[in-house]
Amino acid sequence: MDKEQVAHDLAVIILKSRLDSMIQDKIASSGNEPGLYDMADYVLNDYKDLIGRISENL
């Protein structure tokens, strides 16, 4: 497996966990699920950050 694939796979695993936590926090605080655009924005920004940080450390 190449470095980029490893970084992608790790980022996806971390993002799934973070997104699940974000959804649960939003439901707990407001009683509503976050909107699709909120979740997409969160995932895209976090994914870019994670890929960069993971790649630097591989």
C-alpha atoms as a PDB file:
ATOM      1  CA  MET A   1       0.000   0.000   0.000  1.00  0.00           C
ATOM      2  CA  ASP A   2       1.362   3.424  -0.850  1.00  0.00           C
ATOM      3  CA  LYS A   3       1.659   6.357   1.534  1.00  0.00           C
ATOM      4  CA  GLU A   4      -1.294   8.275   0.019  1.00  0.00           C
ATOM      5  CA  GLN A   5      -3.632   5.273   0.364  1.00  0.00           C
ATOM      6  CA  VAL A   6      -2.610   4.730   3.981  1.00  0.00           C
ATOM      7  CA  ALA A   7      -3.193   8.423   4.744  1.00  0.00           C
ATOM      8  CA  HIS A   8      -6.608   8.295   3.055  1.00  0.00           C
ATOM      9  CA  ASP A   9      -7.670   5.130   4.903  1.00  0.00           C
ATOM     10  CA  LEU A  10      -6.606   6.514   8.281  1.00  0.00           C
ATOM     11  CA  ALA A  11      -8.315   9.841   7.603  1.00  0.00           C
ATOM     12  CA  VAL A  12     -11.586   8.095   6.683  1.00  0.00           C
ATOM     13  CA  ILE A  13     -11.537   6.019   9.873  1.00  0.00           C
ATOM     14  CA  ILE A  14     -10.840   9.092  12.035  1.00  0.00           C
ATOM     15  CA  LEU A  15     -13.454  11.182  10.208  1.00  0.00           C
ATOM     16  CA  LYS A  16     -16.176   8.590  10.694  1.00  0.00           C
ATOM     17  CA  SER A  17     -15.558   8.631  14.412  1.00  0.00           C
ATOM     18  CA  ARG A  18     -15.442  12.447  14.559  1.00  0.00           C
ATOM     19  CA  LEU A  19     -18.571  12.821  12.438  1.00  0.00           C
ATOM     20  CA  ASP A  20     -20.475  10.367  14.650  1.00  0.00           C
ATOM     21  CA  SER A  21     -19.408  12.407  17.692  1.00  0.00           C
ATOM     22  CA  MET A  22     -20.383  15.677  16.014  1.00  0.00           C
ATOM     23  CA  ILE A  23     -23.833  14.329  15.168  1.00  0.00           C
ATOM     24  CA  GLN A  24     -24.378  13.068  18.716  1.00  0.00           C
ATOM     25  CA  ASP A  25     -23.217  16.399  20.193  1.00  0.00           C
ATOM     26  CA  LYS A  26     -25.556  18.343  17.912  1.00  0.00           C
ATOM     27  CA  ILE A  27     -28.510  16.114  18.810  1.00  0.00           C
ATOM     28  CA  ALA A  28     -27.698  16.436  22.517  1.00  0.00           C
ATOM     29  CA  SER A  29     -27.413  20.221  22.375  1.00  0.00           C
ATOM     30  CA  SER A  30     -30.337  21.106  20.116  1.00  0.00           C
ATOM     31  CA  GLY A  31     -32.413  17.978  19.738  1.00  0.00           C
ATOM     32  CA  ASN A  32     -31.921  18.120  15.969  1.00  0.00           C
ATOM     33  CA  GLU A  33     -29.536  16.343  13.636  1.00  0.00           C
ATOM     34  CA  PRO A  34     -27.039  18.617  11.866  1.00  0.00           C
ATOM     35  CA  GLY A  35     -27.879  19.550   8.306  1.00  0.00           C
ATOM     36  CA  LEU A  36     -26.262  17.846   5.351  1.00  0.00           C
ATOM     37  CA  TYR A  37     -24.299  20.984   4.423  1.00  0.00           C
ATOM     38  CA  ASP A  38     -22.942  21.304   7.961  1.00  0.00           C
ATOM     39  CA  MET A  39     -21.772  17.697   7.912  1.00  0.00           C
ATOM     40  CA  ALA A  40     -20.253  17.970   4.417  1.00  0.00           C
ATOM     41  CA  ASP A  41     -18.380  21.148   5.308  1.00  0.00           C
ATOM     42  CA  TYR A  42     -17.082  19.568   8.509  1.00  0.00           C
ATOM     43  CA  VAL A  43     -15.930  16.431   6.710  1.00  0.00           C
ATOM     44  CA  LEU A  44     -14.222  18.227   3.814  1.00  0.00           C
ATOM     45  CA  ASN A  45     -12.314  20.630   6.033  1.00  0.00           C
ATOM     46  CA  ASP A  46     -11.308  17.956   8.508  1.00  0.00           C
ATOM     47  CA  TYR A  47     -10.337  15.511   5.736  1.00  0.00           C
ATOM     48  CA  LYS A  48      -7.952  17.996   4.133  1.00  0.00           C
ATOM     49  CA  ASP A  49      -6.369  18.747   7.499  1.00  0.00           C
ATOM     50  CA  LEU A  50      -6.040  15.080   8.458  1.00  0.00           C
ATOM     51  CA  ILE A  51      -4.532  14.030   5.118  1.00  0.00           C
ATOM     52  CA  GLY A  52      -1.867  16.695   5.499  1.00  0.00           C
ATOM     53  CA  ARG A  53      -1.039  15.807   9.078  1.00  0.00           C
ATOM     54  CA  ILE A  54      -1.038  12.040   8.491  1.00  0.00           C
ATOM     55  CA  SER A  55       1.104  12.347   5.346  1.00  0.00           C
ATOM     56  CA  GLU A  56       3.694  14.398   7.231  1.00  0.00           C
ATOM     57  CA  ASN A  57       4.015  11.669   9.852  1.00  0.00           C
ATOM     58  CA  LEU A  58       4.215   8.612   7.581  1.00  0.00           C
END
